[in-house]
Amino acid sequence: MGKKYFIFDFDGTLCNTNDIIVESWQAALERFLGHTLPQREIEATFGEVLVHTIGKLIPDAPVGDVVDYYRAYQNEHQQGKVYVFDGIREVLTSLREHGCLIGVATSRTTYSFLNYMRQFDMEDLVDAYVSMNDVTSHKPDPESVIVTLRKLAGIEGSDELPEEILREAVMIGDTKYDIGCANNAGVDSVLVGWSHYIDEEDMAAAGFEPAYRISEPAQLLDLI
């Protein structure tokens, strides 16, 4: 398989932020819509950029007000509700020891992402990252993967990536947006099974298909 470039999503893949994300959405929905929604409906939006989800779930609300409320709620209530998934640190360390390069492509803001990385002392385990602030088109557009790969391979600014680099790359995520991003970029993808319910029929309907499915982080070592 010979993978060298491992690009991870953050939420629901490296760290369990699911509970606080759902709780924050329910609070925002109650505030601006007057009622909550089934958890599965919120989970189906995981991986989207915040403003896109607002447009779907609360289309008549002032976007800026919802963003401010959602982020403030999450910041105030996240204590003890976010953690690194079991086995992630060990796998990242092992990948680095085998000479692999590790990137993160997240739909979070740079500020939010780096705060969590510092909080969990994970900064030294990642070689490059791309946040929502670093791209103009978001997942499932391929830009996040392409820009991350350019950083990892040290060829920023290049119009095209060599086929060899694409073959050696893999995107790991928990949503259809991650898998779609990988599919559209022309790299292999891994759908993780340790995060939350995933509607694979919905993913297939969108035209996205993971190359691999794994149930625990250690299985990523098989891709080296």
N, C-alpha and C. Protein backbone atom coordinates (compact mmCIF):
# COMPACT_ATOMS: atom_id res chain seq x y z
N MET A 1 0.83 -1.20 0.00
CA MET A 1 0.00 0.00 0.00
C MET A 1 0.87 1.25 0.00
N GLY A 2 1.90 1.28 0.82
CA GLY A 2 2.93 2.30 0.74
C GLY A 2 2.50 3.73 0.94
N LYS A 3 1.67 3.99 1.93
CA LYS A 3 1.25 5.37 2.19
C LYS A 3 2.32 6.11 3.01
N LYS A 4 2.55 7.35 2.61
CA LYS A 4 3.54 8.18 3.30
C LYS A 4 2.90 9.42 3.93
N TYR A 5 1.87 9.97 3.26
CA TYR A 5 1.22 11.20 3.70
C TYR A 5 -0.15 10.86 4.30
N PHE A 6 -0.28 11.07 5.59
CA PHE A 6 -1.52 10.76 6.30
C PHE A 6 -2.19 12.07 6.70
N ILE A 7 -3.36 12.34 6.11
CA ILE A 7 -4.08 13.58 6.39
C ILE A 7 -5.33 13.23 7.19
N PHE A 8 -5.44 13.81 8.36
CA PHE A 8 -6.55 13.52 9.26
C PHE A 8 -7.52 14.69 9.32
N ASP A 9 -8.79 14.36 9.41
CA ASP A 9 -9.77 15.32 9.89
C ASP A 9 -9.53 15.47 11.39
N PHE A 10 -10.05 16.53 11.99
CA PHE A 10 -9.86 16.73 13.43
C PHE A 10 -11.07 16.26 14.24
N ASP A 11 -12.21 16.95 14.08
CA ASP A 11 -13.40 16.62 14.86
C ASP A 11 -13.92 15.24 14.50
N GLY A 12 -14.09 14.40 15.50
CA GLY A 12 -14.65 13.09 15.27
C GLY A 12 -13.67 12.08 14.70
N THR A 13 -12.43 12.50 14.49
CA THR A 13 -11.41 11.60 13.96
C THR A 13 -10.21 11.54 14.90
N LEU A 14 -9.58 12.67 15.16
CA LEU A 14 -8.51 12.73 16.16
C LEU A 14 -9.08 12.91 17.56
N CYS A 15 -10.03 13.82 17.67
CA CYS A 15 -10.60 14.15 18.98
C CYS A 15 -12.11 13.98 18.98
N ASN A 16 -12.64 13.55 20.10
CA ASN A 16 -14.09 13.44 20.26
C ASN A 16 -14.63 14.79 20.72
N THR A 17 -15.12 15.54 19.76
CA THR A 17 -15.80 16.80 20.04
C THR A 17 -17.30 16.66 19.79
N ASN A 18 -17.74 15.44 19.50
CA ASN A 18 -19.12 15.23 19.08
C ASN A 18 -20.14 15.72 20.09
N ASP A 19 -19.93 15.39 21.36
CA ASP A 19 -20.93 15.72 22.39
C ASP A 19 -21.12 17.23 22.53
N ILE A 20 -20.01 17.96 22.57
CA ILE A 20 -20.14 19.40 22.76
C ILE A 20 -20.65 20.08 21.50
N ILE A 21 -20.35 19.51 20.32
CA ILE A 21 -20.89 20.06 19.08
C ILE A 21 -22.40 19.89 19.05
N VAL A 22 -22.89 18.69 19.37
CA VAL A 22 -24.33 18.44 19.39
C VAL A 22 -25.00 19.34 20.42
N GLU A 23 -24.42 19.42 21.61
CA GLU A 23 -25.00 20.24 22.68
C GLU A 23 -25.05 21.71 22.28
N SER A 24 -24.01 22.19 21.61
CA SER A 24 -23.96 23.59 21.18
C SER A 24 -25.00 23.87 20.11
N TRP A 25 -25.17 22.92 19.19
CA TRP A 25 -26.20 23.09 18.17
C TRP A 25 -27.59 23.09 18.77
N GLN A 26 -27.83 22.18 19.71
CA GLN A 26 -29.15 22.13 20.32
C GLN A 26 -29.46 23.43 21.05
N ALA A 27 -28.46 24.00 21.71
CA ALA A 27 -28.66 25.27 22.40
C ALA A 27 -28.96 26.38 21.40
N ALA A 28 -28.22 26.40 20.27
CA ALA A 28 -28.45 27.42 19.25
C ALA A 28 -29.82 27.24 18.58
N LEU A 29 -30.21 26.00 18.34
CA LEU A 29 -31.51 25.72 17.74
C LEU A 29 -32.64 26.17 18.65
N GLU A 30 -32.51 25.88 19.94
CA GLU A 30 -33.52 26.30 20.90
C GLU A 30 -33.62 27.82 20.94
N ARG A 31 -32.47 28.47 20.88
CA ARG A 31 -32.43 29.92 20.97
C ARG A 31 -33.02 30.59 19.73
N PHE A 32 -32.68 30.09 18.54
CA PHE A 32 -33.06 30.80 17.31
C PHE A 32 -34.22 30.14 16.55
N LEU A 33 -34.49 28.86 16.84
CA LEU A 33 -35.55 28.16 16.13
C LEU A 33 -36.73 27.83 17.05
N GLY A 34 -36.47 27.82 18.36
CA GLY A 34 -37.54 27.54 19.31
C GLY A 34 -37.69 26.08 19.68
N HIS A 35 -36.87 25.21 19.07
CA HIS A 35 -36.92 23.79 19.42
C HIS A 35 -35.62 23.12 18.97
N THR A 36 -35.37 21.94 19.51
CA THR A 36 -34.18 21.18 19.13
C THR A 36 -34.52 20.23 17.98
N LEU A 37 -33.52 19.48 17.53
CA LEU A 37 -33.69 18.51 16.45
C LEU A 37 -33.14 17.16 16.88
N PRO A 38 -33.57 16.08 16.24
CA PRO A 38 -32.99 14.77 16.55
C PRO A 38 -31.47 14.78 16.35
N GLN A 39 -30.76 14.07 17.22
CA GLN A 39 -29.30 14.09 17.16
C GLN A 39 -28.77 13.64 15.80
N ARG A 40 -29.42 12.67 15.19
CA ARG A 40 -28.96 12.17 13.89
C ARG A 40 -28.95 13.28 12.83
N GLU A 41 -29.91 14.20 12.91
CA GLU A 41 -29.95 15.30 11.94
C GLU A 41 -28.75 16.22 12.12
N ILE A 42 -28.34 16.39 13.36
CA ILE A 42 -27.16 17.23 13.61
C ILE A 42 -25.90 16.49 13.19
N GLU A 43 -25.82 15.20 13.51
CA GLU A 43 -24.64 14.42 13.13
C GLU A 43 -24.45 14.40 11.61
N ALA A 44 -25.56 14.47 10.87
CA ALA A 44 -25.48 14.46 9.41
C ALA A 44 -24.79 15.70 8.86
N THR A 45 -24.68 16.75 9.68
CA THR A 45 -24.01 17.98 9.26
C THR A 45 -22.54 18.01 9.66
N PHE A 46 -22.09 17.02 10.44
CA PHE A 46 -20.69 17.00 10.88
C PHE A 46 -19.78 17.08 9.66
N GLY A 47 -18.78 17.93 9.74
CA GLY A 47 -17.83 18.09 8.66
C GLY A 47 -18.09 19.31 7.80
N GLU A 48 -19.27 19.89 7.92
CA GLU A 48 -19.58 21.10 7.16
C GLU A 48 -18.96 22.33 7.82
N VAL A 49 -18.79 23.36 7.04
CA VAL A 49 -18.43 24.67 7.60
C VAL A 49 -19.65 25.21 8.33
N LEU A 50 -19.41 25.88 9.44
CA LEU A 50 -20.47 26.32 10.33
C LEU A 50 -21.57 27.10 9.62
N VAL A 51 -21.20 28.05 8.77
CA VAL A 51 -22.21 28.90 8.14
C VAL A 51 -23.09 28.10 7.18
N HIS A 52 -22.56 27.04 6.60
CA HIS A 52 -23.36 26.20 5.71
C HIS A 52 -24.44 25.47 6.51
N THR A 53 -24.06 24.97 7.69
CA THR A 53 -25.02 24.26 8.53
C THR A 53 -26.11 25.20 9.01
N ILE A 54 -25.74 26.41 9.36
CA ILE A 54 -26.73 27.40 9.79
C ILE A 54 -27.73 27.64 8.67
N GLY A 55 -27.25 27.73 7.45
CA GLY A 55 -28.13 27.96 6.31
C GLY A 55 -29.14 26.84 6.11
N LYS A 56 -28.78 25.62 6.52
CA LYS A 56 -29.69 24.49 6.38
C LYS A 56 -30.63 24.34 7.58
N LEU A 57 -30.07 24.50 8.78
CA LEU A 57 -30.86 24.23 9.98
C LEU A 57 -31.66 25.43 10.48
N ILE A 58 -31.09 26.64 10.33
CA ILE A 58 -31.75 27.84 10.84
C ILE A 58 -31.68 28.92 9.75
N PRO A 59 -32.30 28.68 8.61
CA PRO A 59 -32.09 29.56 7.44
C PRO A 59 -32.55 31.00 7.62
N ASP A 60 -33.49 31.25 8.53
CA ASP A 60 -34.01 32.62 8.67
C ASP A 60 -33.32 33.43 9.77
N ALA A 61 -32.38 32.82 10.45
CA ALA A 61 -31.70 33.51 11.56
C ALA A 61 -30.51 34.32 11.05
N PRO A 62 -30.16 35.40 11.75
CA PRO A 62 -28.97 36.18 11.38
C PRO A 62 -27.72 35.32 11.57
N VAL A 63 -27.00 35.05 10.50
CA VAL A 63 -25.88 34.11 10.53
C VAL A 63 -24.84 34.52 11.57
N GLY A 64 -24.47 35.80 11.59
CA GLY A 64 -23.45 36.26 12.53
C GLY A 64 -23.85 36.04 13.98
N ASP A 65 -25.12 36.28 14.29
CA ASP A 65 -25.60 36.09 15.65
C ASP A 65 -25.55 34.61 16.05
N VAL A 66 -25.92 33.73 15.12
CA VAL A 66 -25.89 32.30 15.42
C VAL A 66 -24.45 31.83 15.62
N VAL A 67 -23.56 32.26 14.75
CA VAL A 67 -22.15 31.89 14.88
C VAL A 67 -21.61 32.31 16.24
N ASP A 68 -21.87 33.56 16.63
CA ASP A 68 -21.37 34.06 17.91
C ASP A 68 -21.95 33.27 19.08
N TYR A 69 -23.25 32.98 19.02
CA TYR A 69 -23.90 32.24 20.10
C TYR A 69 -23.35 30.82 20.19
N TYR A 70 -23.27 30.16 19.04
CA TYR A 70 -22.78 28.77 18.99
C TYR A 70 -21.36 28.67 19.53
N ARG A 71 -20.48 29.54 19.08
CA ARG A 71 -19.08 29.47 19.50
C ARG A 71 -18.93 29.84 20.98
N ALA A 72 -19.68 30.83 21.43
CA ALA A 72 -19.61 31.21 22.84
C ALA A 72 -20.10 30.06 23.73
N TYR A 73 -21.18 29.43 23.33
CA TYR A 73 -21.71 28.30 24.12
C TYR A 73 -20.67 27.18 24.18
N GLN A 74 -20.09 26.86 23.03
CA GLN A 74 -19.12 25.77 22.99
C GLN A 74 -17.90 26.08 23.86
N ASN A 75 -17.41 27.31 23.79
CA ASN A 75 -16.26 27.69 24.59
C ASN A 75 -16.54 27.62 26.09
N GLU A 76 -17.77 27.98 26.46
CA GLU A 76 -18.12 28.03 27.88
C GLU A 76 -18.44 26.67 28.47
N HIS A 77 -18.80 25.69 27.62
CA HIS A 77 -19.28 24.41 28.14
C HIS A 77 -18.43 23.20 27.74
N GLN A 78 -17.28 23.43 27.10
CA GLN A 78 -16.50 22.32 26.58
C GLN A 78 -15.69 21.58 27.64
N GLN A 79 -15.49 22.18 28.79
CA GLN A 79 -14.62 21.59 29.81
C GLN A 79 -15.05 20.16 30.14
N GLY A 80 -14.14 19.22 29.99
CA GLY A 80 -14.40 17.83 30.34
C GLY A 80 -15.20 17.07 29.31
N LYS A 81 -15.59 17.71 28.19
CA LYS A 81 -16.43 17.05 27.20
C LYS A 81 -15.70 16.76 25.89
N VAL A 82 -14.43 17.12 25.82
CA VAL A 82 -13.64 16.90 24.61
C VAL A 82 -12.39 16.11 25.01
N TYR A 83 -12.06 15.10 24.22
CA TYR A 83 -10.88 14.30 24.53
C TYR A 83 -10.33 13.65 23.27
N VAL A 84 -9.07 13.25 23.34
CA VAL A 84 -8.42 12.55 22.23
C VAL A 84 -8.89 11.10 22.24
N PHE A 85 -9.27 10.58 21.09
CA PHE A 85 -9.72 9.19 21.02
C PHE A 85 -8.60 8.24 21.44
N ASP A 86 -8.98 7.16 22.08
CA ASP A 86 -8.02 6.13 22.49
C ASP A 86 -7.23 5.62 21.28
N GLY A 87 -5.91 5.54 21.46
CA GLY A 87 -5.06 4.99 20.43
C GLY A 87 -4.53 5.98 19.42
N ILE A 88 -5.08 7.19 19.41
CA ILE A 88 -4.65 8.18 18.41
C ILE A 88 -3.21 8.63 18.64
N ARG A 89 -2.87 8.98 19.86
CA ARG A 89 -1.49 9.45 20.12
C ARG A 89 -0.47 8.38 19.72
N GLU A 90 -0.77 7.14 20.10
CA GLU A 90 0.17 6.06 19.81
C GLU A 90 0.35 5.87 18.31
N VAL A 91 -0.75 5.96 17.56
CA VAL A 91 -0.66 5.78 16.11
C VAL A 91 0.08 6.93 15.45
N LEU A 92 -0.20 8.16 15.86
CA LEU A 92 0.51 9.30 15.30
C LEU A 92 2.02 9.19 15.57
N THR A 93 2.36 8.79 16.78
CA THR A 93 3.77 8.62 17.14
C THR A 93 4.41 7.53 16.29
N SER A 94 3.71 6.42 16.12
CA SER A 94 4.24 5.31 15.33
C SER A 94 4.40 5.70 13.86
N LEU A 95 3.45 6.43 13.32
CA LEU A 95 3.55 6.88 11.93
C LEU A 95 4.78 7.76 11.74
N ARG A 96 5.00 8.65 12.68
CA ARG A 96 6.17 9.53 12.60
C ARG A 96 7.46 8.71 12.68
N GLU A 97 7.48 7.70 13.54
CA GLU A 97 8.67 6.86 13.69
C GLU A 97 8.97 6.08 12.42
N HIS A 98 7.93 5.82 11.63
CA HIS A 98 8.12 5.10 10.37
C HIS A 98 8.41 6.05 9.20
N GLY A 99 8.61 7.32 9.50
CA GLY A 99 8.96 8.28 8.46
C GLY A 99 7.80 8.86 7.70
N CYS A 100 6.59 8.63 8.18
CA CYS A 100 5.41 9.20 7.52
C CYS A 100 5.24 10.66 7.93
N LEU A 101 4.56 11.42 7.09
CA LEU A 101 4.25 12.81 7.38
C LEU A 101 2.76 12.93 7.69
N ILE A 102 2.45 13.73 8.70
CA ILE A 102 1.08 13.82 9.19
C ILE A 102 0.53 15.23 9.01
N GLY A 103 -0.63 15.30 8.38
CA GLY A 103 -1.32 16.57 8.21
C GLY A 103 -2.71 16.51 8.81
N VAL A 104 -3.28 17.68 9.04
CA VAL A 104 -4.67 17.79 9.48
C VAL A 104 -5.39 18.75 8.54
N ALA A 105 -6.53 18.32 8.03
CA ALA A 105 -7.38 19.18 7.20
C ALA A 105 -8.72 19.31 7.92
N THR A 106 -8.96 20.47 8.51
CA THR A 106 -10.14 20.65 9.36
C THR A 106 -11.00 21.81 8.88
N SER A 107 -12.29 21.71 9.17
CA SER A 107 -13.22 22.80 8.86
C SER A 107 -13.33 23.78 10.02
N ARG A 108 -12.57 23.56 11.08
CA ARG A 108 -12.51 24.51 12.19
C ARG A 108 -11.71 25.75 11.78
N THR A 109 -11.88 26.82 12.55
CA THR A 109 -11.02 27.98 12.38
C THR A 109 -9.62 27.64 12.88
N THR A 110 -8.64 28.37 12.41
CA THR A 110 -7.26 28.17 12.88
C THR A 110 -7.18 28.35 14.39
N TYR A 111 -7.82 29.39 14.90
CA TYR A 111 -7.78 29.69 16.33
C TYR A 111 -8.32 28.53 17.15
N SER A 112 -9.48 28.03 16.76
CA SER A 112 -10.11 26.94 17.50
C SER A 112 -9.28 25.67 17.42
N PHE A 113 -8.82 25.34 16.23
CA PHE A 113 -8.01 24.13 16.05
C PHE A 113 -6.74 24.17 16.89
N LEU A 114 -6.01 25.28 16.81
CA LEU A 114 -4.74 25.37 17.56
C LEU A 114 -4.97 25.36 19.06
N ASN A 115 -6.08 25.93 19.51
CA ASN A 115 -6.39 25.88 20.93
C ASN A 115 -6.50 24.45 21.43
N TYR A 116 -7.22 23.62 20.66
CA TYR A 116 -7.35 22.22 21.05
C TYR A 116 -6.02 21.49 20.96
N MET A 117 -5.24 21.76 19.93
CA MET A 117 -3.94 21.08 19.78
C MET A 117 -3.02 21.41 20.95
N ARG A 118 -3.05 22.66 21.40
CA ARG A 118 -2.23 23.03 22.56
C ARG A 118 -2.79 22.40 23.83
N GLN A 119 -4.11 22.42 23.96
CA GLN A 119 -4.76 21.87 25.14
C GLN A 119 -4.40 20.41 25.34
N PHE A 120 -4.31 19.65 24.25
CA PHE A 120 -4.03 18.22 24.33
C PHE A 120 -2.58 17.89 24.03
N ASP A 121 -1.74 18.91 23.94
CA ASP A 121 -0.31 18.73 23.74
C ASP A 121 -0.02 17.85 22.51
N MET A 122 -0.65 18.20 21.39
CA MET A 122 -0.52 17.40 20.17
C MET A 122 0.21 18.13 19.05
N GLU A 123 0.67 19.33 19.31
CA GLU A 123 1.28 20.14 18.24
C GLU A 123 2.48 19.45 17.60
N ASP A 124 3.28 18.75 18.41
CA ASP A 124 4.49 18.13 17.89
C ASP A 124 4.22 16.85 17.11
N LEU A 125 2.96 16.42 17.07
CA LEU A 125 2.63 15.18 16.36
C LEU A 125 2.12 15.44 14.94
N VAL A 126 2.05 16.72 14.55
CA VAL A 126 1.51 17.08 13.24
C VAL A 126 2.52 17.92 12.48
N ASP A 127 2.72 17.60 11.20
CA ASP A 127 3.71 18.31 10.38
C ASP A 127 3.12 19.52 9.66
N ALA A 128 1.83 19.48 9.36
CA ALA A 128 1.18 20.59 8.66
C ALA A 128 -0.31 20.51 8.90
N TYR A 129 -0.98 21.66 8.79
CA TYR A 129 -2.43 21.67 8.93
C TYR A 129 -3.03 22.70 7.98
N VAL A 130 -4.30 22.48 7.67
CA VAL A 130 -5.08 23.44 6.88
C VAL A 130 -6.43 23.59 7.57
N SER A 131 -6.78 24.81 7.90
CA SER A 131 -8.06 25.09 8.54
C SER A 131 -9.01 25.72 7.52
N MET A 132 -10.22 26.05 7.97
CA MET A 132 -11.17 26.71 7.08
C MET A 132 -10.66 28.08 6.62
N ASN A 133 -9.73 28.66 7.40
CA ASN A 133 -9.20 29.97 7.05
C ASN A 133 -8.16 29.91 5.93
N ASP A 134 -7.70 28.70 5.61
CA ASP A 134 -6.62 28.54 4.64
C ASP A 134 -7.09 28.17 3.25
N VAL A 135 -8.40 27.97 3.08
CA VAL A 135 -8.93 27.57 1.77
C VAL A 135 -10.13 28.45 1.41
N THR A 136 -10.43 28.50 0.14
CA THR A 136 -11.60 29.25 -0.31
C THR A 136 -12.78 28.33 -0.60
N SER A 137 -12.49 27.06 -0.88
CA SER A 137 -13.53 26.06 -1.11
C SER A 137 -13.37 24.95 -0.08
N HIS A 138 -14.47 24.58 0.55
CA HIS A 138 -14.40 23.66 1.68
C HIS A 138 -14.85 22.26 1.29
N LYS A 139 -14.54 21.31 2.17
CA LYS A 139 -14.92 19.91 1.92
C LYS A 139 -16.41 19.84 1.56
N PRO A 140 -16.76 19.01 0.56
CA PRO A 140 -15.97 17.98 -0.11
C PRO A 140 -15.12 18.46 -1.30
N ASP A 141 -15.00 19.76 -1.50
CA ASP A 141 -14.06 20.24 -2.51
C ASP A 141 -12.66 19.72 -2.15
N PRO A 142 -11.83 19.40 -3.13
CA PRO A 142 -10.51 18.81 -2.84
C PRO A 142 -9.47 19.77 -2.29
N GLU A 143 -9.77 21.07 -2.23
CA GLU A 143 -8.73 22.05 -1.91
C GLU A 143 -8.04 21.76 -0.58
N SER A 144 -8.79 21.36 0.45
CA SER A 144 -8.18 21.12 1.76
C SER A 144 -7.10 20.05 1.70
N VAL A 145 -7.38 18.95 1.00
CA VAL A 145 -6.39 17.88 0.87
C VAL A 145 -5.21 18.32 0.01
N ILE A 146 -5.50 18.99 -1.09
CA ILE A 146 -4.43 19.42 -1.99
C ILE A 146 -3.47 20.39 -1.31
N VAL A 147 -4.03 21.36 -0.58
CA VAL A 147 -3.17 22.35 0.09
C VAL A 147 -2.37 21.68 1.20
N THR A 148 -2.99 20.76 1.94
CA THR A 148 -2.25 20.05 2.99
C THR A 148 -1.12 19.22 2.39
N LEU A 149 -1.38 18.54 1.30
CA LEU A 149 -0.34 17.74 0.65
C LEU A 149 0.80 18.61 0.15
N ARG A 150 0.47 19.77 -0.39
CA ARG A 150 1.53 20.67 -0.85
C ARG A 150 2.44 21.07 0.31
N LYS A 151 1.82 21.34 1.46
CA LYS A 151 2.61 21.71 2.63
C LYS A 151 3.48 20.54 3.08
N LEU A 152 2.90 19.35 3.14
CA LEU A 152 3.64 18.17 3.61
C LEU A 152 4.80 17.83 2.68
N ALA A 153 4.56 17.98 1.37
CA ALA A 153 5.59 17.61 0.39
C ALA A 153 6.54 18.76 0.10
N GLY A 154 6.29 19.93 0.67
CA GLY A 154 7.18 21.07 0.47
C GLY A 154 7.12 21.65 -0.92
N ILE A 155 5.94 21.58 -1.56
CA ILE A 155 5.80 22.12 -2.92
C ILE A 155 4.62 23.09 -2.98
N GLU A 156 4.52 23.95 -2.00
CA GLU A 156 3.45 24.95 -1.99
C GLU A 156 3.54 25.82 -3.25
N GLY A 157 2.39 26.16 -3.78
CA GLY A 157 2.35 27.03 -4.93
C GLY A 157 2.36 26.29 -6.26
N SER A 158 2.63 24.99 -6.21
CA SER A 158 2.62 24.22 -7.45
C SER A 158 1.19 24.04 -7.94
N ASP A 159 0.98 24.13 -9.25
CA ASP A 159 -0.37 23.99 -9.80
C ASP A 159 -0.87 22.56 -9.73
N GLU A 160 0.02 21.60 -9.93
CA GLU A 160 -0.38 20.21 -9.92
C GLU A 160 0.53 19.41 -8.99
N LEU A 161 -0.05 18.37 -8.40
CA LEU A 161 0.74 17.48 -7.56
C LEU A 161 1.16 16.27 -8.38
N PRO A 162 2.40 15.82 -8.22
CA PRO A 162 2.84 14.62 -8.93
C PRO A 162 1.97 13.42 -8.57
N GLU A 163 1.73 12.54 -9.52
CA GLU A 163 0.91 11.35 -9.29
C GLU A 163 1.46 10.50 -8.16
N GLU A 164 2.78 10.46 -8.02
CA GLU A 164 3.39 9.65 -6.97
C GLU A 164 2.94 10.12 -5.59
N ILE A 165 2.86 11.43 -5.40
CA ILE A 165 2.43 11.97 -4.11
C ILE A 165 0.97 11.63 -3.86
N LEU A 166 0.14 11.75 -4.88
CA LEU A 166 -1.27 11.40 -4.72
C LEU A 166 -1.43 9.93 -4.35
N ARG A 167 -0.64 9.07 -4.97
CA ARG A 167 -0.72 7.63 -4.66
C ARG A 167 -0.28 7.34 -3.23
N GLU A 168 0.64 8.14 -2.72
CA GLU A 168 1.18 7.88 -1.38
C GLU A 168 0.37 8.56 -0.28
N ALA A 169 -0.72 9.22 -0.65
CA ALA A 169 -1.50 9.99 0.32
C ALA A 169 -2.80 9.29 0.67
N VAL A 170 -3.28 9.55 1.89
CA VAL A 170 -4.56 9.03 2.33
C VAL A 170 -5.20 10.04 3.27
N MET A 171 -6.51 10.19 3.13
CA MET A 171 -7.29 11.09 3.99
C MET A 171 -8.11 10.24 4.93
N ILE A 172 -8.06 10.56 6.23
CA ILE A 172 -8.77 9.80 7.25
C ILE A 172 -9.84 10.69 7.88
N GLY A 173 -11.09 10.24 7.84
CA GLY A 173 -12.15 11.07 8.39
C GLY A 173 -13.38 10.29 8.78
N ASP A 174 -14.35 11.01 9.35
CA ASP A 174 -15.56 10.38 9.91
C ASP A 174 -16.83 10.83 9.22
N THR A 175 -16.73 11.62 8.15
CA THR A 175 -17.94 12.14 7.49
C THR A 175 -17.84 11.99 5.98
N LYS A 176 -19.00 12.16 5.33
CA LYS A 176 -19.02 12.10 3.87
C LYS A 176 -18.22 13.25 3.26
N TYR A 177 -18.09 14.33 4.00
CA TYR A 177 -17.34 15.48 3.48
C TYR A 177 -15.85 15.16 3.41
N ASP A 178 -15.34 14.42 4.39
CA ASP A 178 -13.94 14.00 4.36
C ASP A 178 -13.68 13.03 3.21
N ILE A 179 -14.58 12.04 3.08
CA ILE A 179 -14.41 11.04 2.03
C ILE A 179 -14.56 11.70 0.65
N GLY A 180 -15.52 12.61 0.53
CA GLY A 180 -15.70 13.32 -0.72
C GLY A 180 -14.50 14.17 -1.08
N CYS A 181 -13.91 14.80 -0.07
CA CYS A 181 -12.72 15.63 -0.29
C CYS A 181 -11.59 14.78 -0.84
N ALA A 182 -11.40 13.59 -0.26
CA ALA A 182 -10.36 12.68 -0.73
C ALA A 182 -10.67 12.18 -2.14
N ASN A 183 -11.91 11.75 -2.37
CA ASN A 183 -12.31 11.26 -3.69
C ASN A 183 -12.05 12.33 -4.75
N ASN A 184 -12.44 13.55 -4.46
CA ASN A 184 -12.29 14.63 -5.44
C ASN A 184 -10.84 15.04 -5.67
N ALA A 185 -10.00 14.78 -4.65
CA ALA A 185 -8.57 15.11 -4.78
C ALA A 185 -7.79 14.00 -5.48
N GLY A 186 -8.42 12.81 -5.59
CA GLY A 186 -7.74 11.69 -6.23
C GLY A 186 -6.81 10.93 -5.32
N VAL A 187 -7.10 10.96 -3.99
CA VAL A 187 -6.31 10.19 -3.04
C VAL A 187 -7.21 9.18 -2.34
N ASP A 188 -6.59 8.14 -1.77
CA ASP A 188 -7.36 7.13 -1.04
C ASP A 188 -7.94 7.74 0.23
N SER A 189 -9.01 7.11 0.72
CA SER A 189 -9.67 7.61 1.92
C SER A 189 -9.93 6.48 2.89
N VAL A 190 -9.99 6.84 4.17
CA VAL A 190 -10.30 5.89 5.24
C VAL A 190 -11.47 6.44 6.03
N LEU A 191 -12.52 5.66 6.15
CA LEU A 191 -13.67 6.03 6.97
C LEU A 191 -13.51 5.37 8.33
N VAL A 192 -13.50 6.19 9.40
CA VAL A 192 -13.28 5.64 10.74
C VAL A 192 -14.59 5.26 11.40
N GLY A 193 -14.53 4.22 12.23
CA GLY A 193 -15.75 3.71 12.86
C GLY A 193 -15.80 3.89 14.35
N TRP A 194 -14.98 4.79 14.90
CA TRP A 194 -14.94 4.97 16.36
C TRP A 194 -15.60 6.25 16.84
N SER A 195 -16.34 6.93 15.95
CA SER A 195 -16.80 8.27 16.29
C SER A 195 -18.30 8.36 16.54
N HIS A 196 -19.11 8.12 15.51
CA HIS A 196 -20.56 8.31 15.61
C HIS A 196 -21.22 7.55 14.48
N TYR A 197 -22.53 7.51 14.48
CA TYR A 197 -23.27 6.84 13.40
C TYR A 197 -23.00 7.55 12.08
N ILE A 198 -22.74 6.77 11.03
CA ILE A 198 -22.49 7.32 9.70
C ILE A 198 -23.50 6.71 8.73
N ASP A 199 -24.21 7.56 8.05
CA ASP A 199 -25.20 7.11 7.07
C ASP A 199 -24.47 6.88 5.74
N GLU A 200 -24.05 5.62 5.53
CA GLU A 200 -23.29 5.33 4.31
C GLU A 200 -24.16 5.35 3.07
N GLU A 201 -25.47 5.18 3.23
CA GLU A 201 -26.35 5.30 2.07
C GLU A 201 -26.38 6.74 1.59
N ASP A 202 -26.39 7.67 2.53
CA ASP A 202 -26.35 9.09 2.18
C ASP A 202 -25.02 9.43 1.52
N MET A 203 -23.94 8.84 2.03
CA MET A 203 -22.62 9.06 1.45
C MET A 203 -22.57 8.55 0.02
N ALA A 204 -23.11 7.34 -0.18
CA ALA A 204 -23.10 6.76 -1.52
C ALA A 204 -23.98 7.57 -2.47
N ALA A 205 -25.09 8.08 -1.95
CA ALA A 205 -25.99 8.89 -2.78
C ALA A 205 -25.30 10.16 -3.26
N ALA A 206 -24.34 10.65 -2.45
CA ALA A 206 -23.58 11.84 -2.84
C ALA A 206 -22.45 11.48 -3.81
N GLY A 207 -22.27 10.17 -4.04
CA GLY A 207 -21.25 9.73 -4.98
C GLY A 207 -19.89 9.50 -4.37
N PHE A 208 -19.84 9.39 -3.03
CA PHE A 208 -18.56 9.23 -2.34
C PHE A 208 -18.41 7.81 -1.80
N GLU A 209 -17.18 7.28 -1.89
CA GLU A 209 -16.91 5.91 -1.46
C GLU A 209 -15.52 5.83 -0.82
N PRO A 210 -15.44 5.37 0.45
CA PRO A 210 -14.12 5.22 1.07
C PRO A 210 -13.36 4.03 0.51
N ALA A 211 -12.05 4.16 0.42
CA ALA A 211 -11.22 3.04 -0.03
C ALA A 211 -11.08 2.01 1.08
N TYR A 212 -11.07 2.47 2.32
CA TYR A 212 -10.92 1.59 3.48
C TYR A 212 -11.89 1.99 4.58
N ARG A 213 -12.23 1.02 5.40
CA ARG A 213 -13.01 1.27 6.62
C ARG A 213 -12.27 0.62 7.77
N ILE A 214 -12.10 1.36 8.86
CA ILE A 214 -11.40 0.81 10.01
C ILE A 214 -12.19 1.08 11.28
N SER A 215 -11.98 0.23 12.28
CA SER A 215 -12.72 0.36 13.53
C SER A 215 -11.85 0.84 14.68
N GLU A 216 -10.53 0.85 14.49
CA GLU A 216 -9.64 1.36 15.54
C GLU A 216 -8.40 1.98 14.90
N PRO A 217 -7.80 2.99 15.56
CA PRO A 217 -6.69 3.73 14.95
C PRO A 217 -5.50 2.86 14.56
N ALA A 218 -5.20 1.82 15.31
CA ALA A 218 -4.02 1.01 15.04
C ALA A 218 -4.06 0.38 13.65
N GLN A 219 -5.23 0.21 13.08
CA GLN A 219 -5.33 -0.38 11.75
C GLN A 219 -4.73 0.51 10.67
N LEU A 220 -4.53 1.78 10.97
CA LEU A 220 -3.89 2.68 10.01
C LEU A 220 -2.45 2.26 9.72
N LEU A 221 -1.82 1.58 10.65
CA LEU A 221 -0.43 1.18 10.46
C LEU A 221 -0.29 0.17 9.33
N ASP A 222 -1.40 -0.49 8.97
CA ASP A 222 -1.37 -1.43 7.85
C ASP A 222 -1.17 -0.72 6.52
N LEU A 223 -1.38 0.59 6.50
CA LEU A 223 -1.30 1.34 5.25
C LEU A 223 0.13 1.84 4.95
N ILE A 224 1.02 1.68 5.91
CA ILE A 224 2.40 2.19 5.72
C ILE A 224 3.06 1.42 4.58
